[in-house]
Amino acid sequence: APISYLVPDAVEHLIAKFELYQPTSGKQAH
């Protein structure tokens, strides 16, 4: 689901860059 306007654009970019909060991303312990 979209998170635009809920977080700053820069935060949305970092969430995508680090693949955060994806249940199968394996990115929970960078």
mmCIF file of all heavy atoms, coordinates in Angstrom:
data_MODEL
# 
_entry.id   MODEL 
# 
loop_
_atom_site.group_PDB 
_atom_site.id 
_atom_site.type_symbol 
_atom_site.label_atom_id 
_atom_site.label_alt_id 
_atom_site.label_comp_id 
_atom_site.label_asym_id 
_atom_site.label_entity_id 
_atom_site.label_seq_id 
_atom_site.pdbx_PDB_ins_code 
_atom_site.Cartn_x 
_atom_site.Cartn_y 
_atom_site.Cartn_z 
_atom_site.occupancy 
_atom_site.B_iso_or_equiv 
_atom_site.pdbx_formal_charge 
_atom_site.auth_seq_id 
_atom_site.auth_comp_id 
_atom_site.auth_asym_id 
_atom_site.auth_atom_id 
_atom_site.pdbx_PDB_model_num 
ATOM 1   N N   . ALA A 1 1  ? 0.846  -1.198  0.000  1.00 0.00 ? 1  ALA A N   1 
ATOM 2   C CA  . ALA A 1 1  ? 0.000  0.000   0.000  1.00 0.00 ? 1  ALA A CA  1 
ATOM 3   C C   . ALA A 1 1  ? 0.883  1.251   0.000  1.00 0.00 ? 1  ALA A C   1 
ATOM 4   O O   . ALA A 1 1  ? 2.002  1.227   0.510  1.00 0.00 ? 1  ALA A O   1 
ATOM 5   C CB  . ALA A 1 1  ? -0.920 0.001   1.217  1.00 0.00 ? 1  ALA A CB  1 
ATOM 6   N N   . PRO A 1 2  ? 0.399  2.366   -0.557 1.00 0.00 ? 2  PRO A N   1 
ATOM 7   C CA  . PRO A 1 2  ? 1.224  3.582   -0.621 1.00 0.00 ? 2  PRO A CA  1 
ATOM 8   C C   . PRO A 1 2  ? 1.431  4.217   0.746  1.00 0.00 ? 2  PRO A C   1 
ATOM 9   O O   . PRO A 1 2  ? 0.553  4.153   1.613  1.00 0.00 ? 2  PRO A O   1 
ATOM 10  C CB  . PRO A 1 2  ? 0.414  4.506   -1.536 1.00 0.00 ? 2  PRO A CB  1 
ATOM 11  C CG  . PRO A 1 2  ? -1.001 4.042   -1.383 1.00 0.00 ? 2  PRO A CG  1 
ATOM 12  C CD  . PRO A 1 2  ? -0.911 2.550   -1.214 1.00 0.00 ? 2  PRO A CD  1 
ATOM 13  N N   . ILE A 1 3  ? 2.596  4.829   0.930  1.00 0.00 ? 3  ILE A N   1 
ATOM 14  C CA  . ILE A 1 3  ? 2.885  5.573   2.160  1.00 0.00 ? 3  ILE A CA  1 
ATOM 15  C C   . ILE A 1 3  ? 3.225  7.025   1.848  1.00 0.00 ? 3  ILE A C   1 
ATOM 16  O O   . ILE A 1 3  ? 3.635  7.772   2.736  1.00 0.00 ? 3  ILE A O   1 
ATOM 17  C CB  . ILE A 1 3  ? 4.026  4.926   2.971  1.00 0.00 ? 3  ILE A CB  1 
ATOM 18  C CG1 . ILE A 1 3  ? 5.319  4.860   2.140  1.00 0.00 ? 3  ILE A CG1 1 
ATOM 19  C CG2 . ILE A 1 3  ? 3.618  3.545   3.465  1.00 0.00 ? 3  ILE A CG2 1 
ATOM 20  C CD1 . ILE A 1 3  ? 6.531  4.424   2.961  1.00 0.00 ? 3  ILE A CD1 1 
ATOM 21  N N   . SER A 1 4  ? 3.058  7.427   0.595  1.00 0.00 ? 4  SER A N   1 
ATOM 22  C CA  . SER A 1 4  ? 3.296  8.822   0.224  1.00 0.00 ? 4  SER A CA  1 
ATOM 23  C C   . SER A 1 4  ? 2.428  9.740   1.080  1.00 0.00 ? 4  SER A C   1 
ATOM 24  O O   . SER A 1 4  ? 1.257  9.437   1.354  1.00 0.00 ? 4  SER A O   1 
ATOM 25  C CB  . SER A 1 4  ? 2.960  9.041   -1.245 1.00 0.00 ? 4  SER A CB  1 
ATOM 26  O OG  . SER A 1 4  ? 3.786  8.250   -2.071 1.00 0.00 ? 4  SER A OG  1 
ATOM 27  N N   . TYR A 1 5  ? 3.019  10.854  1.523  1.00 0.00 ? 5  TYR A N   1 
ATOM 28  C CA  . TYR A 1 5  ? 2.376  11.870  2.358  1.00 0.00 ? 5  TYR A CA  1 
ATOM 29  C C   . TYR A 1 5  ? 2.223  11.442  3.813  1.00 0.00 ? 5  TYR A C   1 
ATOM 30  O O   . TYR A 1 5  ? 1.868  12.268  4.658  1.00 0.00 ? 5  TYR A O   1 
ATOM 31  C CB  . TYR A 1 5  ? 1.015  12.297  1.788  1.00 0.00 ? 5  TYR A CB  1 
ATOM 32  C CG  . TYR A 1 5  ? 1.094  12.675  0.325  1.00 0.00 ? 5  TYR A CG  1 
ATOM 33  C CD1 . TYR A 1 5  ? 0.451  11.914  -0.645 1.00 0.00 ? 5  TYR A CD1 1 
ATOM 34  C CD2 . TYR A 1 5  ? 1.866  13.767  -0.086 1.00 0.00 ? 5  TYR A CD2 1 
ATOM 35  C CE1 . TYR A 1 5  ? 0.550  12.242  -1.993 1.00 0.00 ? 5  TYR A CE1 1 
ATOM 36  C CE2 . TYR A 1 5  ? 1.977  14.096  -1.421 1.00 0.00 ? 5  TYR A CE2 1 
ATOM 37  C CZ  . TYR A 1 5  ? 1.311  13.337  -2.375 1.00 0.00 ? 5  TYR A CZ  1 
ATOM 38  O OH  . TYR A 1 5  ? 1.430  13.663  -3.705 1.00 0.00 ? 5  TYR A OH  1 
ATOM 39  N N   . LEU A 1 6  ? 2.483  10.174  4.122  1.00 0.00 ? 6  LEU A N   1 
ATOM 40  C CA  . LEU A 1 6  ? 2.510  9.748   5.522  1.00 0.00 ? 6  LEU A CA  1 
ATOM 41  C C   . LEU A 1 6  ? 3.900  9.945   6.105  1.00 0.00 ? 6  LEU A C   1 
ATOM 42  O O   . LEU A 1 6  ? 4.052  10.196  7.304  1.00 0.00 ? 6  LEU A O   1 
ATOM 43  C CB  . LEU A 1 6  ? 2.096  8.278   5.645  1.00 0.00 ? 6  LEU A CB  1 
ATOM 44  C CG  . LEU A 1 6  ? 0.670  7.931   5.210  1.00 0.00 ? 6  LEU A CG  1 
ATOM 45  C CD1 . LEU A 1 6  ? 0.449  6.422   5.293  1.00 0.00 ? 6  LEU A CD1 1 
ATOM 46  C CD2 . LEU A 1 6  ? -0.344 8.665   6.068  1.00 0.00 ? 6  LEU A CD2 1 
ATOM 47  N N   . VAL A 1 7  ? 4.916  9.800   5.264  1.00 0.00 ? 7  VAL A N   1 
ATOM 48  C CA  . VAL A 1 7  ? 6.306  10.004  5.655  1.00 0.00 ? 7  VAL A CA  1 
ATOM 49  C C   . VAL A 1 7  ? 6.928  11.004  4.687  1.00 0.00 ? 7  VAL A C   1 
ATOM 50  O O   . VAL A 1 7  ? 6.446  11.155  3.552  1.00 0.00 ? 7  VAL A O   1 
ATOM 51  C CB  . VAL A 1 7  ? 7.113  8.681   5.643  1.00 0.00 ? 7  VAL A CB  1 
ATOM 52  C CG1 . VAL A 1 7  ? 6.519  7.669   6.600  1.00 0.00 ? 7  VAL A CG1 1 
ATOM 53  C CG2 . VAL A 1 7  ? 7.176  8.104   4.233  1.00 0.00 ? 7  VAL A CG2 1 
ATOM 54  N N   . PRO A 1 8  ? 8.009  11.677  5.078  1.00 0.00 ? 8  PRO A N   1 
ATOM 55  C CA  . PRO A 1 8  ? 8.705  12.551  4.130  1.00 0.00 ? 8  PRO A CA  1 
ATOM 56  C C   . PRO A 1 8  ? 9.215  11.758  2.927  1.00 0.00 ? 8  PRO A C   1 
ATOM 57  O O   . PRO A 1 8  ? 9.496  10.560  3.036  1.00 0.00 ? 8  PRO A O   1 
ATOM 58  C CB  . PRO A 1 8  ? 9.872  13.105  4.967  1.00 0.00 ? 8  PRO A CB  1 
ATOM 59  C CG  . PRO A 1 8  ? 9.399  13.030  6.379  1.00 0.00 ? 8  PRO A CG  1 
ATOM 60  C CD  . PRO A 1 8  ? 8.572  11.767  6.439  1.00 0.00 ? 8  PRO A CD  1 
ATOM 61  N N   . ASP A 1 9  ? 9.354  12.428  1.786  1.00 0.00 ? 9  ASP A N   1 
ATOM 62  C CA  . ASP A 1 9  ? 9.818  11.753  0.571  1.00 0.00 ? 9  ASP A CA  1 
ATOM 63  C C   . ASP A 1 9  ? 11.153 11.050  0.787  1.00 0.00 ? 9  ASP A C   1 
ATOM 64  O O   . ASP A 1 9  ? 11.378 9.942   0.290  1.00 0.00 ? 9  ASP A O   1 
ATOM 65  C CB  . ASP A 1 9  ? 9.961  12.760  -0.576 1.00 0.00 ? 9  ASP A CB  1 
ATOM 66  C CG  . ASP A 1 9  ? 8.613  13.273  -1.069 1.00 0.00 ? 9  ASP A CG  1 
ATOM 67  O OD1 . ASP A 1 9  ? 7.584  12.651  -0.741 1.00 0.00 ? 9  ASP A OD1 1 
ATOM 68  O OD2 . ASP A 1 9  ? 8.600  14.307  -1.772 1.00 0.00 ? 9  ASP A OD2 1 
ATOM 69  N N   . ALA A 1 10 ? 12.051 11.703  1.543  1.00 0.00 ? 10 ALA A N   1 
ATOM 70  C CA  . ALA A 1 10 ? 13.381 11.121  1.765  1.00 0.00 ? 10 ALA A CA  1 
ATOM 71  C C   . ALA A 1 10 ? 13.291 9.827   2.564  1.00 0.00 ? 10 ALA A C   1 
ATOM 72  O O   . ALA A 1 10 ? 14.070 8.896   2.346  1.00 0.00 ? 10 ALA A O   1 
ATOM 73  C CB  . ALA A 1 10 ? 14.278 12.120  2.491  1.00 0.00 ? 10 ALA A CB  1 
ATOM 74  N N   . VAL A 1 11 ? 12.351 9.753   3.494  1.00 0.00 ? 11 VAL A N   1 
ATOM 75  C CA  . VAL A 1 11 ? 12.162 8.530   4.286  1.00 0.00 ? 11 VAL A CA  1 
ATOM 76  C C   . VAL A 1 11 ? 11.582 7.433   3.403  1.00 0.00 ? 11 VAL A C   1 
ATOM 77  O O   . VAL A 1 11 ? 12.004 6.269   3.473  1.00 0.00 ? 11 VAL A O   1 
ATOM 78  C CB  . VAL A 1 11 ? 11.262 8.805   5.500  1.00 0.00 ? 11 VAL A CB  1 
ATOM 79  C CG1 . VAL A 1 11 ? 10.899 7.506   6.215  1.00 0.00 ? 11 VAL A CG1 1 
ATOM 80  C CG2 . VAL A 1 11 ? 11.955 9.761   6.464  1.00 0.00 ? 11 VAL A CG2 1 
ATOM 81  N N   . GLU A 1 12 ? 10.627 7.778   2.564  1.00 0.00 ? 12 GLU A N   1 
ATOM 82  C CA  . GLU A 1 12 ? 10.054 6.786   1.652  1.00 0.00 ? 12 GLU A CA  1 
ATOM 83  C C   . GLU A 1 12 ? 11.145 6.221   0.742  1.00 0.00 ? 12 GLU A C   1 
ATOM 84  O O   . GLU A 1 12 ? 11.184 5.009   0.473  1.00 0.00 ? 12 GLU A O   1 
ATOM 85  C CB  . GLU A 1 12 ? 8.949  7.425   0.812  1.00 0.00 ? 12 GLU A CB  1 
ATOM 86  C CG  . GLU A 1 12 ? 8.227  6.434   -0.089 1.00 0.00 ? 12 GLU A CG  1 
ATOM 87  C CD  . GLU A 1 12 ? 7.055  7.053   -0.827 1.00 0.00 ? 12 GLU A CD  1 
ATOM 88  O OE1 . GLU A 1 12 ? 6.876  8.294   -0.752 1.00 0.00 ? 12 GLU A OE1 1 
ATOM 89  O OE2 . GLU A 1 12 ? 6.310  6.300   -1.492 1.00 0.00 ? 12 GLU A OE2 1 
ATOM 90  N N   . HIS A 1 13 ? 12.056 7.086   0.298  1.00 0.00 ? 13 HIS A N   1 
ATOM 91  C CA  . HIS A 1 13 ? 13.166 6.633   -0.554 1.00 0.00 ? 13 HIS A CA  1 
ATOM 92  C C   . HIS A 1 13 ? 14.073 5.662   0.195  1.00 0.00 ? 13 HIS A C   1 
ATOM 93  O O   . HIS A 1 13 ? 14.484 4.626   -0.359 1.00 0.00 ? 13 HIS A O   1 
ATOM 94  C CB  . HIS A 1 13 ? 13.975 7.845   -1.026 1.00 0.00 ? 13 HIS A CB  1 
ATOM 95  C CG  . HIS A 1 13 ? 15.251 7.492   -1.717 1.00 0.00 ? 13 HIS A CG  1 
ATOM 96  N ND1 . HIS A 1 13 ? 15.298 6.996   -3.008 1.00 0.00 ? 13 HIS A ND1 1 
ATOM 97  C CD2 . HIS A 1 13 ? 16.545 7.535   -1.292 1.00 0.00 ? 13 HIS A CD2 1 
ATOM 98  C CE1 . HIS A 1 13 ? 16.555 6.754   -3.348 1.00 0.00 ? 13 HIS A CE1 1 
ATOM 99  N NE2 . HIS A 1 13 ? 17.325 7.074   -2.329 1.00 0.00 ? 13 HIS A NE2 1 
ATOM 100 N N   . LEU A 1 14 ? 14.394 5.950   1.444  1.00 0.00 ? 14 LEU A N   1 
ATOM 101 C CA  . LEU A 1 14 ? 15.285 5.079   2.214  1.00 0.00 ? 14 LEU A CA  1 
ATOM 102 C C   . LEU A 1 14 ? 14.619 3.743   2.529  1.00 0.00 ? 14 LEU A C   1 
ATOM 103 O O   . LEU A 1 14 ? 15.284 2.697   2.531  1.00 0.00 ? 14 LEU A O   1 
ATOM 104 C CB  . LEU A 1 14 ? 15.717 5.776   3.505  1.00 0.00 ? 14 LEU A CB  1 
ATOM 105 C CG  . LEU A 1 14 ? 16.718 6.926   3.334  1.00 0.00 ? 14 LEU A CG  1 
ATOM 106 C CD1 . LEU A 1 14 ? 16.929 7.649   4.655  1.00 0.00 ? 14 LEU A CD1 1 
ATOM 107 C CD2 . LEU A 1 14 ? 18.048 6.410   2.797  1.00 0.00 ? 14 LEU A CD2 1 
ATOM 108 N N   . ILE A 1 15 ? 13.320 3.757   2.787  1.00 0.00 ? 15 ILE A N   1 
ATOM 109 C CA  . ILE A 1 15 ? 12.601 2.503   3.037  1.00 0.00 ? 15 ILE A CA  1 
ATOM 110 C C   . ILE A 1 15 ? 12.702 1.602   1.812  1.00 0.00 ? 15 ILE A C   1 
ATOM 111 O O   . ILE A 1 15 ? 12.945 0.391   1.922  1.00 0.00 ? 15 ILE A O   1 
ATOM 112 C CB  . ILE A 1 15 ? 11.136 2.778   3.403  1.00 0.00 ? 15 ILE A CB  1 
ATOM 113 C CG1 . ILE A 1 15 ? 11.053 3.397   4.798  1.00 0.00 ? 15 ILE A CG1 1 
ATOM 114 C CG2 . ILE A 1 15 ? 10.302 1.487   3.344  1.00 0.00 ? 15 ILE A CG2 1 
ATOM 115 C CD1 . ILE A 1 15 ? 9.665  3.869   5.185  1.00 0.00 ? 15 ILE A CD1 1 
ATOM 116 N N   . ALA A 1 16 ? 12.551 2.202   0.632  1.00 0.00 ? 16 ALA A N   1 
ATOM 117 C CA  . ALA A 1 16 ? 12.659 1.429   -0.606 1.00 0.00 ? 16 ALA A CA  1 
ATOM 118 C C   . ALA A 1 16 ? 14.098 0.983   -0.852 1.00 0.00 ? 16 ALA A C   1 
ATOM 119 O O   . ALA A 1 16 ? 14.357 -0.167  -1.228 1.00 0.00 ? 16 ALA A O   1 
ATOM 120 C CB  . ALA A 1 16 ? 12.147 2.253   -1.782 1.00 0.00 ? 16 ALA A CB  1 
ATOM 121 N N   . LYS A 1 17 ? 15.048 1.883   -0.596 1.00 0.00 ? 17 LYS A N   1 
ATOM 122 C CA  . LYS A 1 17 ? 16.459 1.568   -0.842 1.00 0.00 ? 17 LYS A CA  1 
ATOM 123 C C   . LYS A 1 17 ? 16.941 0.410   0.016  1.00 0.00 ? 17 LYS A C   1 
ATOM 124 O O   . LYS A 1 17 ? 17.633 -0.499  -0.473 1.00 0.00 ? 17 LYS A O   1 
ATOM 125 C CB  . LYS A 1 17 ? 17.320 2.808   -0.571 1.00 0.00 ? 17 LYS A CB  1 
ATOM 126 C CG  . LYS A 1 17 ? 18.817 2.572   -0.729 1.00 0.00 ? 17 LYS A CG  1 
ATOM 127 C CD  . LYS A 1 17 ? 19.607 3.829   -0.430 1.00 0.00 ? 17 LYS A CD  1 
ATOM 128 C CE  . LYS A 1 17 ? 21.106 3.581   -0.556 1.00 0.00 ? 17 LYS A CE  1 
ATOM 129 N NZ  . LYS A 1 17 ? 21.898 4.813   -0.271 1.00 0.00 ? 17 LYS A NZ  1 
ATOM 130 N N   . PHE A 1 18 ? 16.575 0.429   1.290  1.00 0.00 ? 18 PHE A N   1 
ATOM 131 C CA  . PHE A 1 18 ? 17.009 -0.619  2.219  1.00 0.00 ? 18 PHE A CA  1 
ATOM 132 C C   . PHE A 1 18 ? 16.061 -1.818  2.242  1.00 0.00 ? 18 PHE A C   1 
ATOM 133 O O   . PHE A 1 18 ? 16.290 -2.773  2.990  1.00 0.00 ? 18 PHE A O   1 
ATOM 134 C CB  . PHE A 1 18 ? 17.155 -0.060  3.628  1.00 0.00 ? 18 PHE A CB  1 
ATOM 135 C CG  . PHE A 1 18 ? 18.265 0.940   3.785  1.00 0.00 ? 18 PHE A CG  1 
ATOM 136 C CD1 . PHE A 1 18 ? 18.029 2.148   4.424  1.00 0.00 ? 18 PHE A CD1 1 
ATOM 137 C CD2 . PHE A 1 18 ? 19.537 0.683   3.297  1.00 0.00 ? 18 PHE A CD2 1 
ATOM 138 C CE1 . PHE A 1 18 ? 19.053 3.076   4.579  1.00 0.00 ? 18 PHE A CE1 1 
ATOM 139 C CE2 . PHE A 1 18 ? 20.563 1.606   3.454  1.00 0.00 ? 18 PHE A CE2 1 
ATOM 140 C CZ  . PHE A 1 18 ? 20.324 2.811   4.091  1.00 0.00 ? 18 PHE A CZ  1 
ATOM 141 N N   . GLU A 1 19 ? 14.983 -1.735  1.447  1.00 0.00 ? 19 GLU A N   1 
ATOM 142 C CA  . GLU A 1 19 ? 13.978 -2.803  1.401  1.00 0.00 ? 19 GLU A CA  1 
ATOM 143 C C   . GLU A 1 19 ? 13.447 -3.113  2.802  1.00 0.00 ? 19 GLU A C   1 
ATOM 144 O O   . GLU A 1 19 ? 13.306 -4.273  3.197  1.00 0.00 ? 19 GLU A O   1 
ATOM 145 C CB  . GLU A 1 19 ? 14.554 -4.065  0.757  1.00 0.00 ? 19 GLU A CB  1 
ATOM 146 C CG  . GLU A 1 19 ? 15.017 -3.845  -0.680 1.00 0.00 ? 19 GLU A CG  1 
ATOM 147 C CD  . GLU A 1 19 ? 15.619 -5.088  -1.297 1.00 0.00 ? 19 GLU A CD  1 
ATOM 148 O OE1 . GLU A 1 19 ? 15.548 -6.160  -0.661 1.00 0.00 ? 19 GLU A OE1 1 
ATOM 149 O OE2 . GLU A 1 19 ? 16.166 -4.995  -2.391 1.00 0.00 ? 19 GLU A OE2 1 
ATOM 150 N N   . LEU A 1 20 ? 13.138 -2.066  3.543  1.00 0.00 ? 20 LEU A N   1 
ATOM 151 C CA  . LEU A 1 20 ? 12.658 -2.235  4.914  1.00 0.00 ? 20 LEU A CA  1 
ATOM 152 C C   . LEU A 1 20 ? 11.206 -2.668  4.929  1.00 0.00 ? 20 LEU A C   1 
ATOM 153 O O   . LEU A 1 20 ? 10.424 -2.348  4.034  1.00 0.00 ? 20 LEU A O   1 
ATOM 154 C CB  . LEU A 1 20 ? 12.806 -0.914  5.677  1.00 0.00 ? 20 LEU A CB  1 
ATOM 155 C CG  . LEU A 1 20 ? 14.222 -0.375  5.831  1.00 0.00 ? 20 LEU A CG  1 
ATOM 156 C CD1 . LEU A 1 20 ? 14.189 0.970   6.547  1.00 0.00 ? 20 LEU A CD1 1 
ATOM 157 C CD2 . LEU A 1 20 ? 15.104 -1.361  6.582  1.00 0.00 ? 20 LEU A CD2 1 
ATOM 158 N N   . TYR A 1 21 ? 10.854 -3.401  5.983  1.00 0.00 ? 21 TYR A N   1 
ATOM 159 C CA  . TYR A 1 21 ? 9.481  -3.797  6.295  1.00 0.00 ? 21 TYR A CA  1 
ATOM 160 C C   . TYR A 1 21 ? 8.886  -4.764  5.279  1.00 0.00 ? 21 TYR A C   1 
ATOM 161 O O   . TYR A 1 21 ? 7.676  -4.963  5.260  1.00 0.00 ? 21 TYR A O   1 
ATOM 162 C CB  . TYR A 1 21 ? 8.582  -2.557  6.446  1.00 0.00 ? 21 TYR A CB  1 
ATOM 163 C CG  . TYR A 1 21 ? 9.224  -1.493  7.295  1.00 0.00 ? 21 TYR A CG  1 
ATOM 164 C CD1 . TYR A 1 21 ? 9.337  -0.177  6.838  1.00 0.00 ? 21 TYR A CD1 1 
ATOM 165 C CD2 . TYR A 1 21 ? 9.755  -1.796  8.549  1.00 0.00 ? 21 TYR A CD2 1 
ATOM 166 C CE1 . TYR A 1 21 ? 9.951  0.797   7.610  1.00 0.00 ? 21 TYR A CE1 1 
ATOM 167 C CE2 . TYR A 1 21 ? 10.371 -0.830  9.324  1.00 0.00 ? 21 TYR A CE2 1 
ATOM 168 C CZ  . TYR A 1 21 ? 10.469 0.460   8.845  1.00 0.00 ? 21 TYR A CZ  1 
ATOM 169 O OH  . TYR A 1 21 ? 11.081 1.420   9.610  1.00 0.00 ? 21 TYR A OH  1 
ATOM 170 N N   . GLN A 1 22 ? 9.738  -5.369  4.443  1.00 0.00 ? 22 GLN A N   1 
ATOM 171 C CA  . GLN A 1 22 ? 9.276  -6.410  3.537  1.00 0.00 ? 22 GLN A CA  1 
ATOM 172 C C   . GLN A 1 22 ? 9.358  -7.745  4.264  1.00 0.00 ? 22 GLN A C   1 
ATOM 173 O O   . GLN A 1 22 ? 10.419 -8.124  4.744  1.00 0.00 ? 22 GLN A O   1 
ATOM 174 C CB  . GLN A 1 22 ? 10.150 -6.458  2.278  1.00 0.00 ? 22 GLN A CB  1 
ATOM 175 C CG  . GLN A 1 22 ? 10.168 -5.168  1.487  1.00 0.00 ? 22 GLN A CG  1 
ATOM 176 C CD  . GLN A 1 22 ? 8.819  -4.871  0.858  1.00 0.00 ? 22 GLN A CD  1 
ATOM 177 O OE1 . GLN A 1 22 ? 8.053  -5.787  0.543  1.00 0.00 ? 22 GLN A OE1 1 
ATOM 178 N NE2 . GLN A 1 22 ? 8.512  -3.593  0.688  1.00 0.00 ? 22 GLN A NE2 1 
ATOM 179 N N   . PRO A 1 23 ? 8.271  -8.486  4.370  1.00 0.00 ? 23 PRO A N   1 
ATOM 180 C CA  . PRO A 1 23 ? 8.279  -9.713  5.186  1.00 0.00 ? 23 PRO A CA  1 
ATOM 181 C C   . PRO A 1 23 ? 9.271  -10.764 4.721  1.00 0.00 ? 23 PRO A C   1 
ATOM 182 O O   . PRO A 1 23 ? 9.707  -11.584 5.510  1.00 0.00 ? 23 PRO A O   1 
ATOM 183 C CB  . PRO A 1 23 ? 6.840  -10.228 5.066  1.00 0.00 ? 23 PRO A CB  1 
ATOM 184 C CG  . PRO A 1 23 ? 6.274  -9.551  3.870  1.00 0.00 ? 23 PRO A CG  1 
ATOM 185 C CD  . PRO A 1 23 ? 6.954  -8.210  3.789  1.00 0.00 ? 23 PRO A CD  1 
ATOM 186 N N   . THR A 1 24 ? 9.684  -10.734 3.460  1.00 0.00 ? 24 THR A N   1 
ATOM 187 C CA  . THR A 1 24 ? 10.630 -11.743 2.968  1.00 0.00 ? 24 THR A CA  1 
ATOM 188 C C   . THR A 1 24 ? 11.937 -11.127 2.511  1.00 0.00 ? 24 THR A C   1 
ATOM 189 O O   . THR A 1 24 ? 12.732 -11.753 1.834  1.00 0.00 ? 24 THR A O   1 
ATOM 190 C CB  . THR A 1 24 ? 10.030 -12.522 1.797  1.00 0.00 ? 24 THR A CB  1 
ATOM 191 O OG1 . THR A 1 24 ? 9.700  -11.609 0.736  1.00 0.00 ? 24 THR A OG1 1 
ATOM 192 C CG2 . THR A 1 24 ? 8.777  -13.264 2.216  1.00 0.00 ? 24 THR A CG2 1 
ATOM 193 N N   . SER A 1 25 ? 12.187 -9.849  2.912  1.00 0.00 ? 25 SER A N   1 
ATOM 194 C CA  . SER A 1 25 ? 13.367 -9.161  2.392  1.00 0.00 ? 25 SER A CA  1 
ATOM 195 C C   . SER A 1 25 ? 14.652 -9.602  3.069  1.00 0.00 ? 25 SER A C   1 
ATOM 196 O O   . SER A 1 25 ? 15.732 -9.448  2.517  1.00 0.00 ? 25 SER A O   1 
ATOM 197 C CB  . SER A 1 25 ? 13.206 -7.645  2.562  1.00 0.00 ? 25 SER A CB  1 
ATOM 198 O OG  . SER A 1 25 ? 13.257 -7.293  3.933  1.00 0.00 ? 25 SER A OG  1 
ATOM 199 N N   . GLY A 1 26 ? 14.549 -10.074 4.331  1.00 0.00 ? 26 GLY A N   1 
ATOM 200 C CA  . GLY A 1 26 ? 15.757 -10.425 5.067  1.00 0.00 ? 26 GLY A CA  1 
ATOM 201 C C   . GLY A 1 26 ? 16.570 -9.235  5.476  1.00 0.00 ? 26 GLY A C   1 
ATOM 202 O O   . GLY A 1 26 ? 17.738 -9.336  5.789  1.00 0.00 ? 26 GLY A O   1 
ATOM 203 N N   . LYS A 1 27 ? 15.949 -8.023  5.471  1.00 0.00 ? 27 LYS A N   1 
ATOM 204 C CA  . LYS A 1 27 ? 16.676 -6.790  5.747  1.00 0.00 ? 27 LYS A CA  1 
ATOM 205 C C   . LYS A 1 27 ? 16.412 -6.274  7.155  1.00 0.00 ? 27 LYS A C   1 
ATOM 206 O O   . LYS A 1 27 ? 16.567 -5.108  7.421  1.00 0.00 ? 27 LYS A O   1 
ATOM 207 C CB  . LYS A 1 27 ? 16.257 -5.733  4.731  1.00 0.00 ? 27 LYS A CB  1 
ATOM 208 C CG  . LYS A 1 27 ? 16.606 -6.050  3.289  1.00 0.00 ? 27 LYS A CG  1 
ATOM 209 C CD  . LYS A 1 27 ? 18.105 -5.999  3.046  1.00 0.00 ? 27 LYS A CD  1 
ATOM 210 C CE  . LYS A 1 27 ? 18.433 -6.194  1.585  1.00 0.00 ? 27 LYS A CE  1 
ATOM 211 N NZ  . LYS A 1 27 ? 19.847 -6.043  1.319  1.00 0.00 ? 27 LYS A NZ  1 
ATOM 212 N N   . GLN A 1 28 ? 16.057 -7.165  8.060  1.00 0.00 ? 28 GLN A N   1 
ATOM 213 C CA  . GLN A 1 28 ? 15.661 -6.688  9.378  1.00 0.00 ? 28 GLN A CA  1 
ATOM 214 C C   . GLN A 1 28 ? 16.827 -6.511  10.328 1.00 0.00 ? 28 GLN A C   1 
ATOM 215 O O   . GLN A 1 28 ? 16.644 -6.091  11.459 1.00 0.00 ? 28 GLN A O   1 
ATOM 216 C CB  . GLN A 1 28 ? 14.640 -7.645  9.988  1.00 0.00 ? 28 GLN A CB  1 
ATOM 217 C CG  . GLN A 1 28 ? 13.327 -7.677  9.217  1.00 0.00 ? 28 GLN A CG  1 
ATOM 218 C CD  . GLN A 1 28 ? 12.287 -8.492  9.923  1.00 0.00 ? 28 GLN A CD  1 
ATOM 219 O OE1 . GLN A 1 28 ? 12.522 -9.015  11.011 1.00 0.00 ? 28 GLN A OE1 1 
ATOM 220 N NE2 . GLN A 1 28 ? 11.118 -8.600  9.327  1.00 0.00 ? 28 GLN A NE2 1 
ATOM 221 N N   . ALA A 1 29 ? 18.027 -6.804  9.926  1.00 0.00 ? 29 ALA A N   1 
ATOM 222 C CA  . ALA A 1 29 ? 19.157 -6.682  10.862 1.00 0.00 ? 29 ALA A CA  1 
ATOM 223 C C   . ALA A 1 29 ? 20.382 -6.131  10.168 1.00 0.00 ? 29 ALA A C   1 
ATOM 224 O O   . ALA A 1 29 ? 21.483 -6.618  10.310 1.00 0.00 ? 29 ALA A O   1 
ATOM 225 C CB  . ALA A 1 29 ? 19.484 -8.058  11.456 1.00 0.00 ? 29 ALA A CB  1 
ATOM 226 N N   . HIS A 1 30 ? 20.187 -5.020  9.416  1.00 0.00 ? 30 HIS A N   1 
ATOM 227 C CA  . HIS A 1 30 ? 21.308 -4.386  8.728  1.00 0.00 ? 30 HIS A CA  1 
ATOM 228 C C   . HIS A 1 30 ? 22.393 -3.922  9.703  1.00 0.00 ? 30 HIS A C   1 
ATOM 229 O O   . HIS A 1 30 ? 23.555 -4.216  9.559  1.00 0.00 ? 30 HIS A O   1 
ATOM 230 C CB  . HIS A 1 30 ? 20.791 -3.140  7.986  1.00 0.00 ? 30 HIS A CB  1 
ATOM 231 C CG  . HIS A 1 30 ? 20.651 -3.363  6.515  1.00 0.00 ? 30 HIS A CG  1 
ATOM 232 N ND1 . HIS A 1 30 ? 21.556 -4.061  5.773  1.00 0.00 ? 30 HIS A ND1 1 
ATOM 233 C CD2 . HIS A 1 30 ? 19.686 -2.956  5.647  1.00 0.00 ? 30 HIS A CD2 1 
ATOM 234 C CE1 . HIS A 1 30 ? 21.166 -4.088  4.518  1.00 0.00 ? 30 HIS A CE1 1 
ATOM 235 N NE2 . HIS A 1 30 ? 20.031 -3.412  4.409  1.00 0.00 ? 30 HIS A NE2 1 
# 
